[in-house]
C-alpha cells in the first residue's frame, strides 16, 4: 500500500519500502530531519523523490530473524504505532 502511494504521488517505481538504503551522508543531511520512528523509510523516499534523486530498487535476499521479535509486526500495538507514523508522513 505504501509503495503504491509513493508510485502515485511521487512517480517512484517501487514494489517495497526496502530493508536497505545506500546514500552519501552529505546528500542525506541535505534532506533535513526525517521522521524519528517507523515513518523514517517512507519520509526518506518521499523527500528523495521531491529532491529529484534517482531511486533504484534492487532485490535482496531476506533471512529469518536471528534474535528477538519485531517491534512493528511482533505486536498489535507496534503495528498500530507504525501505521500512525506512516500516516503522519507528508
Protein backbone atom coordinates (compact mmCIF):
# COMPACT_ATOMS: atom_id res chain seq x y z
CA UNK A 1 0.00 0.00 0.00
CA UNK A 2 2.80 2.45 0.89
CA UNK A 3 4.79 1.63 -2.24
CA UNK A 4 1.63 2.26 -4.26
CA UNK A 5 1.23 5.67 -2.59
CA UNK A 6 4.86 6.53 -3.44
CA UNK A 7 4.30 5.46 -7.05
CA UNK A 8 1.16 7.59 -7.41
CA UNK A 9 2.29 10.68 -5.51
CA UNK A 10 6.00 10.83 -6.40
CA UNK A 11 6.35 8.66 -9.50
CA UNK A 12 8.78 6.25 -7.81
CA UNK A 13 8.88 2.80 -9.37
CA UNK A 14 8.89 0.76 -6.15
CA UNK A 15 7.35 -2.51 -5.03
CA UNK A 16 8.50 -2.30 -1.41
CA UNK A 17 9.96 0.19 1.07
CA UNK A 18 13.15 -1.89 1.13
CA UNK A 19 15.25 -3.09 4.01
CA UNK A 20 18.42 -1.31 2.94
CA UNK A 21 19.25 2.14 1.66
CA UNK A 22 22.54 3.43 0.28
CA UNK A 23 23.15 7.16 0.15
CA UNK A 24 26.02 9.57 0.72
CA UNK A 25 25.90 11.17 4.15
CA UNK A 26 26.11 14.75 2.82
CA UNK A 27 23.17 14.14 0.47
CA UNK A 28 21.12 12.62 3.26
CA UNK A 29 21.84 15.59 5.52
CA UNK A 30 20.56 17.96 2.81
CA UNK A 31 17.12 16.33 3.04
CA UNK A 32 16.74 17.74 6.54
CA UNK A 33 15.27 15.97 9.57
CA UNK A 34 13.26 12.88 8.80
CA UNK A 35 10.67 11.03 10.85
CA UNK A 36 12.12 9.86 14.20
CA UNK A 37 10.44 6.42 14.26
CA UNK A 38 8.71 4.00 11.91
CA UNK A 39 7.88 6.67 9.34
CA UNK A 40 11.57 7.13 8.51
CA UNK A 41 11.74 4.88 5.40
CA UNK A 42 8.63 6.46 3.90
CA UNK A 43 9.79 10.01 4.71
CA UNK A 44 13.23 9.31 3.24
CA UNK A 45 11.80 8.06 -0.05
CA UNK A 46 9.26 10.89 -0.29
CA UNK A 47 11.93 13.56 0.34
CA UNK A 48 14.38 11.87 -2.03
CA UNK A 49 11.77 11.91 -4.80
CA UNK A 50 10.95 15.56 -4.10
CA UNK A 51 14.67 16.40 -4.25
CA UNK A 52 14.94 14.76 -7.67
CA UNK A 53 17.08 11.83 -6.56
CA UNK A 54 17.32 8.74 -8.72
CA UNK A 55 15.83 5.93 -6.63
CA UNK A 56 16.68 2.38 -7.69
CA UNK A 57 15.15 -0.75 -6.20
CA UNK A 58 17.18 -3.96 -6.13
CA UNK A 59 16.08 -7.38 -4.95
CA UNK A 60 17.77 -8.68 -1.81
CA UNK A 61 17.60 -12.00 -0.01
CA UNK A 62 15.86 -11.99 3.35
CA UNK A 63 16.87 -14.41 6.07
CA UNK A 64 14.87 -15.39 9.14
CA UNK A 65 15.19 -13.00 12.08
CA UNK A 66 18.09 -14.20 14.23
CA UNK A 67 17.13 -12.52 17.53
CA UNK A 68 14.05 -11.16 19.22
CA UNK A 69 10.67 -10.10 17.93
CA UNK A 70 9.89 -7.25 15.58
CA UNK A 71 8.82 -4.03 17.32
CA UNK A 72 6.38 -3.42 14.46
CA UNK A 73 4.88 -6.70 13.29
CA UNK A 74 5.50 -8.52 16.56
CA UNK A 75 2.52 -6.91 18.31
CA UNK A 76 -0.77 -5.20 17.60
CA UNK A 77 0.37 -2.05 19.42
CA UNK A 78 3.60 -1.93 17.41
CA UNK A 79 1.67 -2.32 14.17
CA UNK A 80 -0.74 0.47 15.14
CA UNK A 81 2.13 2.78 16.10
CA UNK A 82 3.89 2.13 12.79
CA UNK A 83 0.66 2.79 10.87
CA UNK A 84 0.22 6.10 12.72
CA UNK A 85 3.81 7.05 11.92
CA UNK A 86 3.36 6.23 8.24
CA UNK A 87 0.17 8.28 8.01
CA UNK A 88 1.96 11.29 9.58
CA UNK A 89 4.44 11.49 6.69
CA UNK A 90 3.53 14.12 4.09
